[in-house]
Amino acid sequence: MLVLMLFVGLEVLGQGATRKPKAKETTPSTTQRAVAYAQRDIRNKTISIHLQGGIVSTMTNADLAFGKMYGVGITEFGCVGMDREYSLAYNKEIFKYLDGEFGTVWRQQIRDDMIGFKEYVAETN
């Protein structure tokens, strides 16, 4: 009888406890964070376009001249690189800024392998 009461008591206790669902945390997505950082960099004049590199640096004098002309840096990531989704969203926000400041003339002077450049051009044409 004692054993039966213990089992029944544990079952009742287990059913009586109500669990409150955890509040769903709302964290910004990778894209939202990238856009926010790009906008911050634009405000602070610390703009940098992300470039996927390789084992050896792929930066050229033309890249440096482009950066100087348009007031942007170029951050080359090695073969590992950053999260592509982040770099894509960040660069697209920078490209949008460049369009607003300089029209589309800059597009003829930038390397077409900058992360997200081809996608941006396809989306905005």
PDB file of N, CA and C in Angstrom:
ATOM      1  N   MET A   1       0.820  -1.188   0.000  1.00  0.00           N
ATOM      2  CA  MET A   1       0.000   0.000   0.000  1.00  0.00           C
ATOM      3  C   MET A   1       0.875   1.269   0.000  1.00  0.00           C
ATOM      4  N   LEU A   2       1.919   1.251   0.805  1.00  0.00           N
ATOM      5  CA  LEU A   2       2.833   2.384   0.878  1.00  0.00           C
ATOM      6  C   LEU A   2       3.489   2.642  -0.477  1.00  0.00           C
ATOM      7  N   VAL A   3       3.881   1.577  -1.165  1.00  0.00           N
ATOM      8  CA  VAL A   3       4.505   1.711  -2.474  1.00  0.00           C
ATOM      9  C   VAL A   3       3.521   2.308  -3.465  1.00  0.00           C
ATOM     10  N   LEU A   4       2.277   1.886  -3.438  1.00  0.00           N
ATOM     11  CA  LEU A   4       1.252   2.412  -4.317  1.00  0.00           C
ATOM     12  C   LEU A   4       1.036   3.903  -4.062  1.00  0.00           C
ATOM     13  N   MET A   5       1.031   4.332  -2.814  1.00  0.00           N
ATOM     14  CA  MET A   5       0.835   5.735  -2.485  1.00  0.00           C
ATOM     15  C   MET A   5       2.014   6.584  -2.968  1.00  0.00           C
ATOM     16  N   LEU A   6       3.212   6.016  -2.890  1.00  0.00           N
ATOM     17  CA  LEU A   6       4.387   6.747  -3.379  1.00  0.00           C
ATOM     18  C   LEU A   6       4.295   6.987  -4.882  1.00  0.00           C
ATOM     19  N   PHE A   7       3.925   5.940  -5.642  1.00  0.00           N
ATOM     20  CA  PHE A   7       3.804   6.101  -7.089  1.00  0.00           C
ATOM     21  C   PHE A   7       2.707   7.083  -7.455  1.00  0.00           C
ATOM     22  N   VAL A   8       1.575   6.990  -6.811  1.00  0.00           N
ATOM     23  CA  VAL A   8       0.465   7.895  -7.080  1.00  0.00           C
ATOM     24  C   VAL A   8       0.852   9.319  -6.690  1.00  0.00           C
ATOM     25  N   GLY A   9       1.495   9.458  -5.557  1.00  0.00           N
ATOM     26  CA  GLY A   9       1.916  10.780  -5.103  1.00  0.00           C
ATOM     27  C   GLY A   9       2.895  11.438  -6.060  1.00  0.00           C
ATOM     28  N   LEU A  10       3.847  10.684  -6.581  1.00  0.00           N
ATOM     29  CA  LEU A  10       4.815  11.238  -7.532  1.00  0.00           C
ATOM     30  C   LEU A  10       4.126  11.631  -8.831  1.00  0.00           C
ATOM     31  N   GLU A  11       3.181  10.800  -9.271  1.00  0.00           N
ATOM     32  CA  GLU A  11       2.480  11.117 -10.513  1.00  0.00           C
ATOM     33  C   GLU A  11       1.652  12.375 -10.368  1.00  0.00           C
ATOM     34  N   VAL A  12       0.987  12.528  -9.233  1.00  0.00           N
ATOM     35  CA  VAL A  12       0.176  13.713  -8.989  1.00  0.00           C
ATOM     36  C   VAL A  12       1.058  14.956  -8.922  1.00  0.00           C
ATOM     37  N   LEU A  13       2.179  14.822  -8.235  1.00  0.00           N
ATOM     38  CA  LEU A  13       3.095  15.964  -8.160  1.00  0.00           C
ATOM     39  C   LEU A  13       3.590  16.358  -9.546  1.00  0.00           C
ATOM     40  N   GLY A  14       3.903  15.379 -10.361  1.00  0.00           N
ATOM     41  CA  GLY A  14       4.396  15.661 -11.704  1.00  0.00           C
ATOM     42  C   GLY A  14       3.369  16.347 -12.558  1.00  0.00           C
ATOM     43  N   GLN A  15       2.093  15.969 -12.392  1.00  0.00           N
ATOM     44  CA  GLN A  15       1.048  16.583 -13.191  1.00  0.00           C
ATOM     45  C   GLN A  15       0.681  17.967 -12.682  1.00  0.00           C
ATOM     46  N   GLY A  16       0.858  18.161 -11.391  1.00  0.00           N
ATOM     47  CA  GLY A  16       0.463  19.430 -10.808  1.00  0.00           C
ATOM     48  C   GLY A  16       1.403  20.566 -11.172  1.00  0.00           C
ATOM     49  N   ALA A  17       2.631  20.227 -11.467  1.00  0.00           N
ATOM     50  CA  ALA A  17       3.586  21.278 -11.799  1.00  0.00           C
ATOM     51  C   ALA A  17       3.311  21.780 -13.206  1.00  0.00           C
ATOM     52  N   THR A  18       3.128  23.058 -13.330  1.00  0.00           N
ATOM     53  CA  THR A  18       2.912  23.624 -14.661  1.00  0.00           C
ATOM     54  C   THR A  18       4.185  24.351 -15.069  1.00  0.00           C
ATOM     55  N   ARG A  19       4.577  24.080 -16.243  1.00  0.00           N
ATOM     56  CA  ARG A  19       5.774  24.739 -16.768  1.00  0.00           C
ATOM     57  C   ARG A  19       5.359  25.940 -17.585  1.00  0.00           C
ATOM     58  N   LYS A  20       5.980  27.030 -17.289  1.00  0.00           N
ATOM     59  CA  LYS A  20       5.733  28.226 -18.083  1.00  0.00           C
ATOM     60  C   LYS A  20       6.663  28.184 -19.281  1.00  0.00           C
ATOM     61  N   PRO A  21       6.118  28.425 -20.453  1.00  0.00           N
ATOM     62  CA  PRO A  21       7.017  28.438 -21.614  1.00  0.00           C
ATOM     63  C   PRO A  21       7.986  29.599 -21.491  1.00  0.00           C
ATOM     64  N   LYS A  22       9.201  29.332 -21.882  1.00  0.00           N
ATOM     65  CA  LYS A  22      10.216  30.381 -21.847  1.00  0.00           C
ATOM     66  C   LYS A  22       9.850  31.462 -22.856  1.00  0.00           C
ATOM     67  N   ALA A  23      10.120  32.682 -22.482  1.00  0.00           N
ATOM     68  CA  ALA A  23       9.889  33.781 -23.408  1.00  0.00           C
ATOM     69  C   ALA A  23      10.834  33.609 -24.591  1.00  0.00           C
ATOM     70  N   LYS A  24      10.280  33.738 -25.755  1.00  0.00           N
ATOM     71  CA  LYS A  24      11.093  33.583 -26.951  1.00  0.00           C
ATOM     72  C   LYS A  24      12.019  34.785 -27.071  1.00  0.00           C
ATOM     73  N   GLU A  25      13.304  34.496 -27.118  1.00  0.00           N
ATOM     74  CA  GLU A  25      14.274  35.571 -27.235  1.00  0.00           C
ATOM     75  C   GLU A  25      14.269  36.076 -28.674  1.00  0.00           C
ATOM     76  N   THR A  26      14.286  37.356 -28.804  1.00  0.00           N
ATOM     77  CA  THR A  26      14.344  37.929 -30.140  1.00  0.00           C
ATOM     78  C   THR A  26      15.739  38.510 -30.340  1.00  0.00           C
ATOM     79  N   THR A  27      16.528  37.807 -31.066  1.00  0.00           N
ATOM     80  CA  THR A  27      17.870  38.281 -31.375  1.00  0.00           C
ATOM     81  C   THR A  27      17.906  38.655 -32.843  1.00  0.00           C
ATOM     82  N   PRO A  28      18.640  39.681 -33.162  1.00  0.00           N
ATOM     83  CA  PRO A  28      18.702  40.082 -34.565  1.00  0.00           C
ATOM     84  C   PRO A  28      19.331  38.985 -35.419  1.00  0.00           C
ATOM     85  N   SER A  29      18.823  38.856 -36.613  1.00  0.00           N
ATOM     86  CA  SER A  29      19.382  37.871 -37.537  1.00  0.00           C
ATOM     87  C   SER A  29      20.748  38.342 -38.015  1.00  0.00           C
ATOM     88  N   THR A  30      21.449  37.452 -38.654  1.00  0.00           N
ATOM     89  CA  THR A  30      22.762  37.790 -39.213  1.00  0.00           C
ATOM     90  C   THR A  30      22.639  38.970 -40.172  1.00  0.00           C
ATOM     91  N   THR A  31      21.609  38.932 -41.010  1.00  0.00           N
ATOM     92  CA  THR A  31      21.401  40.006 -41.980  1.00  0.00           C
ATOM     93  C   THR A  31      21.119  41.330 -41.278  1.00  0.00           C
ATOM     94  N   GLN A  32      20.271  41.311 -40.262  1.00  0.00           N
ATOM     95  CA  GLN A  32      19.956  42.537 -39.537  1.00  0.00           C
ATOM     96  C   GLN A  32      21.196  43.116 -38.853  1.00  0.00           C
ATOM     97  N   ARG A  33      22.003  42.244 -38.269  1.00  0.00           N
ATOM     98  CA  ARG A  33      23.232  42.723 -37.621  1.00  0.00           C
ATOM     99  C   ARG A  33      24.174  43.337 -38.651  1.00  0.00           C
ATOM    100  N   ALA A  34      24.307  42.686 -39.792  1.00  0.00           N
ATOM    101  CA  ALA A  34      25.214  43.178 -40.839  1.00  0.00           C
ATOM    102  C   ALA A  34      24.769  44.546 -41.336  1.00  0.00           C
ATOM    103  N   VAL A  35      23.486  44.711 -41.569  1.00  0.00           N
ATOM    104  CA  VAL A  35      22.961  45.995 -42.045  1.00  0.00           C
ATOM    105  C   VAL A  35      23.191  47.075 -40.983  1.00  0.00           C
ATOM    106  N   ALA A  36      22.952  46.737 -39.729  1.00  0.00           N
ATOM    107  CA  ALA A  36      23.171  47.708 -38.647  1.00  0.00           C
ATOM    108  C   ALA A  36      24.639  48.125 -38.572  1.00  0.00           C
ATOM    109  N   TYR A  37      25.550  47.168 -38.693  1.00  0.00           N
ATOM    110  CA  TYR A  37      26.981  47.499 -38.657  1.00  0.00           C
ATOM    111  C   TYR A  37      27.389  48.321 -39.880  1.00  0.00           C
ATOM    112  N   ALA A  38      26.842  48.010 -41.032  1.00  0.00           N
ATOM    113  CA  ALA A  38      27.156  48.775 -42.236  1.00  0.00           C
ATOM    114  C   ALA A  38      26.679  50.216 -42.082  1.00  0.00           C
ATOM    115  N   GLN A  39      25.471  50.389 -41.564  1.00  0.00           N
ATOM    116  CA  GLN A  39      24.944  51.742 -41.358  1.00  0.00           C
ATOM    117  C   GLN A  39      25.775  52.512 -40.333  1.00  0.00           C
ATOM    118  N   ARG A  40      26.227  51.829 -39.294  1.00  0.00           N
ATOM    119  CA  ARG A  40      27.101  52.457 -38.302  1.00  0.00           C
ATOM    120  C   ARG A  40      28.413  52.887 -38.955  1.00  0.00           C
ATOM    121  N   ASP A  41      28.980  51.993 -39.775  1.00  0.00           N
ATOM    122  CA  ASP A  41      30.243  52.316 -40.442  1.00  0.00           C
ATOM    123  C   ASP A  41      30.083  53.474 -41.414  1.00  0.00           C
ATOM    124  N   ILE A  42      28.948  53.544 -42.077  1.00  0.00           N
ATOM    125  CA  ILE A  42      28.681  54.666 -42.984  1.00  0.00           C
ATOM    126  C   ILE A  42      28.628  55.969 -42.187  1.00  0.00           C
ATOM    127  N   ARG A  43      27.903  55.967 -41.084  1.00  0.00           N
ATOM    128  CA  ARG A  43      27.821  57.175 -40.231  1.00  0.00           C
ATOM    129  C   ARG A  43      29.189  57.592 -39.718  1.00  0.00           C
ATOM    130  N   ASN A  44      30.004  56.603 -39.346  1.00  0.00           N
ATOM    131  CA  ASN A  44      31.326  56.880 -38.776  1.00  0.00           C
ATOM    132  C   ASN A  44      32.416  57.060 -39.829  1.00  0.00           C
ATOM    133  N   LYS A  45      32.052  56.935 -41.082  1.00  0.00           N
ATOM    134  CA  LYS A  45      33.022  57.041 -42.190  1.00  0.00           C
ATOM    135  C   LYS A  45      34.138  56.005 -42.063  1.00  0.00           C
ATOM    136  N   THR A  46      33.778  54.797 -41.644  1.00  0.00           N
ATOM    137  CA  THR A  46      34.738  53.693 -41.526  1.00  0.00           C
ATOM    138  C   THR A  46      34.286  52.528 -42.413  1.00  0.00           C
ATOM    139  N   ILE A  47      33.893  52.855 -43.596  1.00  0.00           N
ATOM    140  CA  ILE A  47      33.314  51.885 -44.530  1.00  0.00           C
ATOM    141  C   ILE A  47      34.392  50.948 -45.051  1.00  0.00           C
ATOM    142  N   SER A  48      34.048  49.684 -45.140  1.00  0.00           N
ATOM    143  CA  SER A  48      34.962  48.695 -45.694  1.00  0.00           C
ATOM    144  C   SER A  48      34.159  47.657 -46.464  1.00  0.00           C
ATOM    145  N   ILE A  49      34.588  47.372 -47.649  1.00  0.00           N
ATOM    146  CA  ILE A  49      33.927  46.349 -48.458  1.00  0.00           C
ATOM    147  C   ILE A  49      34.630  45.023 -48.210  1.00  0.00           C
ATOM    148  N   HIS A  50      33.843  43.975 -48.029  1.00  0.00           N
ATOM    149  CA  HIS A  50      34.402  42.657 -47.752  1.00  0.00           C
ATOM    150  C   HIS A  50      34.758  41.943 -49.052  1.00  0.00           C
ATOM    151  N   LEU A  51      35.940  41.374 -49.067  1.00  0.00           N
ATOM    152  CA  LEU A  51      36.451  40.638 -50.222  1.00  0.00           C
ATOM    153  C   LEU A  51      36.923  39.276 -49.739  1.00  0.00           C
ATOM    154  N   GLN A  52      36.479  38.244 -50.411  1.00  0.00           N
ATOM    155  CA  GLN A  52      36.955  36.893 -50.082  1.00  0.00           C
ATOM    156  C   GLN A  52      38.277  36.678 -50.792  1.00  0.00           C
ATOM    157  N   GLY A  53      39.308  36.408 -50.038  1.00  0.00           N
ATOM    158  CA  GLY A  53      40.630  36.203 -50.622  1.00  0.00           C
ATOM    159  C   GLY A  53      40.970  34.738 -50.718  1.00  0.00           C
ATOM    160  N   GLY A  54      42.202  34.458 -50.594  1.00  0.00           N
ATOM    161  CA  GLY A  54      42.690  33.092 -50.646  1.00  0.00           C
ATOM    162  C   GLY A  54      43.897  32.965 -49.750  1.00  0.00           C
ATOM    163  N   ILE A  55      44.714  32.016 -50.047  1.00  0.00           N
ATOM    164  CA  ILE A  55      45.927  31.817 -49.261  1.00  0.00           C
ATOM    165  C   ILE A  55      46.857  33.014 -49.436  1.00  0.00           C
ATOM    166  N   VAL A  56      46.935  33.509 -50.647  1.00  0.00           N
ATOM    167  CA  VAL A  56      47.769  34.666 -50.964  1.00  0.00           C
ATOM    168  C   VAL A  56      46.854  35.873 -51.175  1.00  0.00           C
ATOM    169  N   SER A  57      47.287  37.032 -50.758  1.00  0.00           N
ATOM    170  CA  SER A  57      46.490  38.243 -50.908  1.00  0.00           C
ATOM    171  C   SER A  57      46.126  38.490 -52.362  1.00  0.00           C
ATOM    172  N   THR A  58      44.895  38.932 -52.573  1.00  0.00           N
ATOM    173  CA  THR A  58      44.441  39.234 -53.934  1.00  0.00           C
ATOM    174  C   THR A  58      44.227  40.725 -54.140  1.00  0.00           C
ATOM    175  N   MET A  59      44.584  41.528 -53.140  1.00  0.00           N
ATOM    176  CA  MET A  59      44.434  42.977 -53.242  1.00  0.00           C
ATOM    177  C   MET A  59      45.370  43.515 -54.321  1.00  0.00           C
ATOM    178  N   THR A  60      44.871  44.492 -55.056  1.00  0.00           N
ATOM    179  CA  THR A  60      45.663  45.090 -56.128  1.00  0.00           C
ATOM    180  C   THR A  60      45.765  46.600 -55.912  1.00  0.00           C
ATOM    181  N   ASN A  61      46.621  47.234 -56.690  1.00  0.00           N
ATOM    182  CA  ASN A  61      46.727  48.695 -56.652  1.00  0.00           C
ATOM    183  C   ASN A  61      45.413  49.331 -57.096  1.00  0.00           C
ATOM    184  N   ALA A  62      44.706  48.691 -58.012  1.00  0.00           N
ATOM    185  CA  ALA A  62      43.407  49.202 -58.456  1.00  0.00           C
ATOM    186  C   ALA A  62      42.402  49.197 -57.299  1.00  0.00           C
ATOM    187  N   ASP A  63      42.476  48.178 -56.444  1.00  0.00           N
ATOM    188  CA  ASP A  63      41.598  48.118 -55.270  1.00  0.00           C
ATOM    189  C   ASP A  63      41.886  49.290 -54.337  1.00  0.00           C
ATOM    190  N   LEU A  64      43.156  49.564 -54.133  1.00  0.00           N
ATOM    191  CA  LEU A  64      43.547  50.667 -53.259  1.00  0.00           C
ATOM    192  C   LEU A  64      43.117  52.010 -53.842  1.00  0.00           C
ATOM    193  N   ALA A  65      43.264  52.161 -55.151  1.00  0.00           N
ATOM    194  CA  ALA A  65      42.848  53.398 -55.811  1.00  0.00           C
ATOM    195  C   ALA A  65      41.328  53.572 -55.713  1.00  0.00           C
ATOM    196  N   PHE A  66      40.589  52.497 -55.898  1.00  0.00           N
ATOM    197  CA  PHE A  66      39.131  52.537 -55.771  1.00  0.00           C
ATOM    198  C   PHE A  66      38.745  52.981 -54.353  1.00  0.00           C
ATOM    199  N   GLY A  67      39.384  52.373 -53.367  1.00  0.00           N
ATOM    200  CA  GLY A  67      39.093  52.718 -51.982  1.00  0.00           C
ATOM    201  C   GLY A  67      39.355  54.175 -51.680  1.00  0.00           C
ATOM    202  N   LYS A  68      40.455  54.681 -52.192  1.00  0.00           N
ATOM    203  CA  LYS A  68      40.809  56.081 -51.963  1.00  0.00           C
ATOM    204  C   LYS A  68      39.816  57.019 -52.656  1.00  0.00           C
ATOM    205  N   MET A  69      39.439  56.677 -53.882  1.00  0.00           N
ATOM    206  CA  MET A  69      38.534  57.517 -54.665  1.00  0.00           C
ATOM    207  C   MET A  69      37.152  57.619 -54.009  1.00  0.00           C
ATOM    208  N   TYR A  70      36.664  56.507 -53.451  1.00  0.00           N
ATOM    209  CA  TYR A  70      35.305  56.471 -52.920  1.00  0.00           C
ATOM    210  C   TYR A  70      35.240  56.473 -51.389  1.00  0.00           C
ATOM    211  N   GLY A  71      36.375  56.606 -50.750  1.00  0.00           N
ATOM    212  CA  GLY A  71      36.393  56.707 -49.297  1.00  0.00           C
ATOM    213  C   GLY A  71      36.000  55.433 -48.575  1.00  0.00           C
ATOM    214  N   VAL A  72      36.413  54.312 -49.140  1.00  0.00           N
ATOM    215  CA  VAL A  72      36.101  53.018 -48.516  1.00  0.00           C
ATOM    216  C   VAL A  72      37.379  52.203 -48.369  1.00  0.00           C
ATOM    217  N   GLY A  73      37.373  51.358 -47.381  1.00  0.00           N
ATOM    218  CA  GLY A  73      38.452  50.404 -47.248  1.00  0.00           C
ATOM    219  C   GLY A  73      38.019  49.086 -47.871  1.00  0.00           C
ATOM    220  N   ILE A  74      38.945  48.217 -48.055  1.00  0.00           N
ATOM    221  CA  ILE A  74      38.631  46.875 -48.532  1.00  0.00           C
ATOM    222  C   ILE A  74      39.248  45.910 -47.540  1.00  0.00           C
ATOM    223  N   THR A  75      38.393  45.098 -46.949  1.00  0.00           N
ATOM    224  CA  THR A  75      38.850  44.112 -45.987  1.00  0.00           C
ATOM    225  C   THR A  75      38.856  42.761 -46.668  1.00  0.00           C
ATOM    226  N   GLU A  76      40.052  42.251 -46.844  1.00  0.00           N
ATOM    227  CA  GLU A  76      40.182  40.956 -47.497  1.00  0.00           C
ATOM    228  C   GLU A  76      40.265  39.868 -46.441  1.00  0.00           C
ATOM    229  N   PHE A  77      39.367  38.922 -46.546  1.00  0.00           N
ATOM    230  CA  PHE A  77      39.390  37.777 -45.650  1.00  0.00           C
ATOM    231  C   PHE A  77      40.113  36.659 -46.369  1.00  0.00           C
ATOM    232  N   GLY A  78      40.884  35.918 -45.643  1.00  0.00           N
ATOM    233  CA  GLY A  78      41.628  34.807 -46.236  1.00  0.00           C
ATOM    234  C   GLY A  78      40.704  33.720 -46.741  1.00  0.00           C
ATOM    235  N   CYS A  79      41.259  32.555 -46.893  1.00  0.00           N
ATOM    236  CA  CYS A  79      40.477  31.461 -47.454  1.00  0.00           C
ATOM    237  C   CYS A  79      39.341  31.015 -46.538  1.00  0.00           C
ATOM    238  N   VAL A  80      39.417  31.335 -45.257  1.00  0.00           N
ATOM    239  CA  VAL A  80      38.338  30.955 -44.339  1.00  0.00           C
ATOM    240  C   VAL A  80      37.223  31.986 -44.408  1.00  0.00           C
ATOM    241  N   GLY A  81      37.545  33.234 -44.210  1.00  0.00           N
ATOM    242  CA  GLY A  81      36.578  34.307 -44.365  1.00  0.00           C
ATOM    243  C   GLY A  81      35.541  34.389 -43.268  1.00  0.00           C
ATOM    244  N   MET A  82      34.697  35.382 -43.392  1.00  0.00           N
ATOM    245  CA  MET A  82      33.585  35.584 -42.465  1.00  0.00           C
ATOM    246  C   MET A  82      32.386  34.795 -42.942  1.00  0.00           C
ATOM    247  N   ASP A  83      31.336  34.859 -42.169  1.00  0.00           N
ATOM    248  CA  ASP A  83      30.065  34.269 -42.556  1.00  0.00           C
ATOM    249  C   ASP A  83      29.592  34.935 -43.850  1.00  0.00           C
ATOM    250  N   ARG A  84      29.351  34.156 -44.861  1.00  0.00           N
ATOM    251  CA  ARG A  84      28.988  34.712 -46.174  1.00  0.00           C
ATOM    252  C   ARG A  84      27.703  35.530 -46.103  1.00  0.00           C
ATOM    253  N   GLU A  85      26.720  35.046 -45.366  1.00  0.00           N
ATOM    254  CA  GLU A  85      25.445  35.763 -45.252  1.00  0.00           C
ATOM    255  C   GLU A  85      25.672  37.157 -44.665  1.00  0.00           C
ATOM    256  N   TYR A  86      26.535  37.244 -43.661  1.00  0.00           N
ATOM    257  CA  TYR A  86      26.855  38.526 -43.040  1.00  0.00           C
ATOM    258  C   TYR A  86      27.539  39.452 -44.046  1.00  0.00           C
ATOM    259  N   SER A  87      28.594  38.955 -44.698  1.00  0.00           N
ATOM    260  CA  SER A  87      29.342  39.779 -45.662  1.00  0.00           C
ATOM    261  C   SER A  87      28.465  40.218 -46.819  1.00  0.00           C
ATOM    262  N   LEU A  88      27.591  39.341 -47.271  1.00  0.00           N
ATOM    263  CA  LEU A  88      26.685  39.660 -48.368  1.00  0.00           C
ATOM    264  C   LEU A  88      25.772  40.824 -47.977  1.00  0.00           C
ATOM    265  N   ALA A  89      25.147  40.734 -46.810  1.00  0.00           N
ATOM    266  CA  ALA A  89      24.234  41.786 -46.361  1.00  0.00           C
ATOM    267  C   ALA A  89      24.993  43.089 -46.081  1.00  0.00           C
ATOM    268  N   TYR A  90      26.170  42.981 -45.470  1.00  0.00           N
ATOM    269  CA  TYR A  90      26.973  44.167 -45.169  1.00  0.00           C
ATOM    270  C   TYR A  90      27.353  44.882 -46.470  1.00  0.00           C
ATOM    271  N   ASN A  91      27.915  44.135 -47.408  1.00  0.00           N
ATOM    272  CA  ASN A  91      28.358  44.749 -48.658  1.00  0.00           C
ATOM    273  C   ASN A  91      27.197  45.351 -49.433  1.00  0.00           C
ATOM    274  N   LYS A  92      26.060  44.686 -49.478  1.00  0.00           N
ATOM    275  CA  LYS A  92      24.909  45.232 -50.210  1.00  0.00           C
ATOM    276  C   LYS A  92      24.492  46.577 -49.636  1.00  0.00           C
ATOM    277  N   GLU A  93      24.560  46.715 -48.326  1.00  0.00           N
ATOM    278  CA  GLU A  93      24.232  48.001 -47.703  1.00  0.00           C
ATOM    279  C   GLU A  93      25.267  49.058 -48.098  1.00  0.00           C
ATOM    280  N   ILE A  94      26.524  48.677 -48.185  1.00  0.00           N
ATOM    281  CA  ILE A  94      27.574  49.604 -48.622  1.00  0.00           C
ATOM    282  C   ILE A  94      27.373  49.965 -50.093  1.00  0.00           C
ATOM    283  N   PHE A  95      27.029  48.992 -50.918  1.00  0.00           N
ATOM    284  CA  PHE A  95      26.790  49.260 -52.337  1.00  0.00           C
ATOM    285  C   PHE A  95      25.618  50.228 -52.511  1.00  0.00           C
ATOM    286  N   LYS A  96      24.591  50.059 -51.708  1.00  0.00           N
ATOM    287  CA  LYS A  96      23.436  50.962 -51.753  1.00  0.00           C
ATOM    288  C   LYS A  96      23.884  52.389 -51.403  1.00  0.00           C
ATOM    289  N   TYR A  97      24.740  52.502 -50.410  1.00  0.00           N
ATOM    290  CA  TYR A  97      25.290  53.797 -50.033  1.00  0.00           C
ATOM    291  C   TYR A  97      26.082  54.405 -51.194  1.00  0.00           C
ATOM    292  N   LEU A  98      26.941  53.612 -51.826  1.00  0.00           N
ATOM    293  CA  LEU A  98      27.745  54.108 -52.943  1.00  0.00           C
ATOM    294  C   LEU A  98      26.856  54.583 -54.087  1.00  0.00           C
ATOM    295  N   ASP A  99      25.779  53.852 -54.370  1.00  0.00           N
ATOM    296  CA  ASP A  99      24.826  54.290 -55.397  1.00  0.00           C
ATOM    297  C   ASP A  99      24.240  55.651 -55.038  1.00  0.00           C
ATOM    298  N   GLY A 100      23.888  55.823 -53.779  1.00  0.00           N
ATOM    299  CA  GLY A 100      23.298  57.087 -53.338  1.00  0.00           C
ATOM    300  C   GLY A 100      24.268  58.250 -53.406  1.00  0.00           C
ATOM    301  N   GLU A 101      25.528  57.986 -53.119  1.00  0.00           N
ATOM    302  CA  GLU A 101      26.541  59.042 -53.106  1.00  0.00           C
ATOM    303  C   GLU A 101      27.119  59.350 -54.482  1.00  0.00           C
ATOM    304  N   PHE A 102      27.324  58.312 -55.303  1.00  0.00           N
ATOM    305  CA  PHE A 102      28.081  58.483 -56.548  1.00  0.00           C
ATOM    306  C   PHE A 102      27.327  58.031 -57.796  1.00  0.00           C
ATOM    307  N   GLY A 103      26.072  57.693 -57.665  1.00  0.00           N
ATOM    308  CA  GLY A 103      25.372  57.123 -58.809  1.00  0.00           C
ATOM    309  C   GLY A 103      25.909  55.721 -59.048  1.00  0.00           C
ATOM    310  N   THR A 104      25.897  55.294 -60.291  1.00  0.00           N
ATOM    311  CA  THR A 104      26.375  53.935 -60.581  1.00  0.00           C
ATOM    312  C   THR A 104      27.766  53.908 -61.202  1.00  0.00           C
ATOM    313  N   VAL A 105      28.431  55.054 -61.308  1.00  0.00           N
ATOM    314  CA  VAL A 105      29.744  55.114 -61.941  1.00  0.00           C
ATOM    315  C   VAL A 105      30.768  54.224 -61.224  1.00  0.00           C
ATOM    316  N   TRP A 106      30.662  54.108 -59.928  1.00  0.00           N
ATOM    317  CA  TRP A 106      31.597  53.290 -59.140  1.00  0.00           C
ATOM    318  C   TRP A 106      31.543  51.823 -59.547  1.00  0.00           C
ATOM    319  N   ARG A 107      30.417  51.405 -60.079  1.00  0.00           N
ATOM    320  CA  ARG A 107      30.242  49.993 -60.439  1.00  0.00           C
ATOM    321  C   ARG A 107      31.210  49.539 -61.537  1.00  0.00           C
ATOM    322  N   GLN A 108      31.616  50.462 -62.387  1.00  0.00           N
ATOM    323  CA  GLN A 108      32.552  50.100 -63.452  1.00  0.00           C
ATOM    324  C   GLN A 108      33.985  50.008 -62.942  1.00  0.00           C
ATOM    325  N   GLN A 109      34.234  50.495 -61.747  1.00  0.00           N
ATOM    326  CA  GLN A 109      35.601  50.545 -61.227  1.00  0.00           C
ATOM    327  C   GLN A 109      35.884  49.535 -60.122  1.00  0.00           C
ATOM    328  N   ILE A 110      34.860  48.874 -59.640  1.00  0.00           N
ATOM    329  CA  ILE A 110      35.042  47.910 -58.553  1.00  0.00           C
ATOM    330  C   ILE A 110      35.228  46.511 -59.146  1.00  0.00           C
ATOM    331  N   ARG A 111      35.963  45.704 -58.443  1.00  0.00           N
ATOM    332  CA  ARG A 111      36.111  44.304 -58.866  1.00  0.00           C
ATOM    333  C   ARG A 111      34.762  43.614 -58.763  1.00  0.00           C
ATOM    334  N   ASP A 112      34.451  42.817 -59.750  1.00  0.00           N
ATOM    335  CA  ASP A 112      33.149  42.155 -59.717  1.00  0.00           C
ATOM    336  C   ASP A 112      33.122  40.917 -58.823  1.00  0.00           C
ATOM    337  N   ASP A 113      34.264  40.591 -58.196  1.00  0.00           N
ATOM    338  CA  ASP A 113      34.255  39.447 -57.281  1.00  0.00           C
ATOM    339  C   ASP A 113      34.143  39.871 -55.817  1.00  0.00           C
ATOM    340  N   MET A 114      33.832  41.155 -55.578  1.00  0.00           N
ATOM    341  CA  MET A 114      33.542  41.577 -54.204  1.00  0.00           C
ATOM    342  C   MET A 114      32.283  40.837 -53.767  1.00  0.00           C
ATOM    343  N   ILE A 115      32.258  40.405 -52.536  1.00  0.00           N
ATOM    344  CA  ILE A 115      31.150  39.594 -52.051  1.00  0.00           C
ATOM    345  C   ILE A 115      29.826  40.333 -52.247  1.00  0.00           C
ATOM    346  N   GLY A 116      28.915  39.718 -52.982  1.00  0.00           N
ATOM    347  CA  GLY A 116      27.579  40.254 -53.179  1.00  0.00           C
ATOM    348  C   GLY A 116      27.432  41.269 -54.289  1.00  0.00           C
ATOM    349  N   PHE A 117      28.526  41.652 -54.941  1.00  0.00           N
ATOM    350  CA  PHE A 117      28.427  42.692 -55.963  1.00  0.00           C
ATOM    351  C   PHE A 117      27.542  42.262 -57.129  1.00  0.00           C
ATOM    352  N   LYS A 118      27.771  41.095 -57.677  1.00  0.00           N
ATOM    353  CA  LYS A 118      26.967  40.629 -58.817  1.00  0.00           C
ATOM    354  C   LYS A 118      25.494  40.516 -58.436  1.00  0.00           C
ATOM    355  N   GLU A 119      25.233  40.006 -57.236  1.00  0.00           N
ATOM    356  CA  GLU A 119      23.853  39.886 -56.777  1.00  0.00           C
ATOM    357  C   GLU A 119      23.202  41.257 -56.637  1.00  0.00           C
ATOM    358  N   TYR A 120      23.956  42.208 -56.096  1.00  0.00           N
ATOM    359  CA  TYR A 120      23.431  43.565 -55.917  1.00  0.00           C
ATOM    360  C   TYR A 120      23.087  44.191 -57.266  1.00  0.00           C
ATOM    361  N   VAL A 121      23.987  44.065 -58.210  1.00  0.00           N
ATOM    362  CA  VAL A 121      23.741  44.646 -59.536  1.00  0.00           C
ATOM    363  C   VAL A 121      22.509  43.989 -60.177  1.00  0.00           C
ATOM    364  N   ALA A 122      22.406  42.673 -60.065  1.00  0.00           N
ATOM    365  CA  ALA A 122      21.252  41.964 -60.637  1.00  0.00           C
ATOM    366  C   ALA A 122      19.939  42.420 -59.982  1.00  0.00           C
ATOM    367  N   GLU A 123      19.971  42.670 -58.683  1.00  0.00           N
ATOM    368  CA  GLU A 123      18.775  43.086 -57.959  1.00  0.00           C
ATOM    369  C   GLU A 123      18.378  44.533 -58.249  1.00  0.00           C
ATOM    370  N   THR A 124      19.338  45.368 -58.587  1.00  0.00           N
ATOM    371  CA  THR A 124      19.056  46.793 -58.756  1.00  0.00           C
ATOM    372  C   THR A 124      18.959  47.233 -60.201  1.00  0.00           C
ATOM    373  N   ASN A 125      19.139  46.346 -61.130  1.00  0.00           N
ATOM    374  CA  ASN A 125      18.986  46.704 -62.560  1.00  0.00           C
ATOM    375  C   ASN A 125      17.633  46.314 -63.069  1.00  0.00           C
TER     376      ASN A 125
END
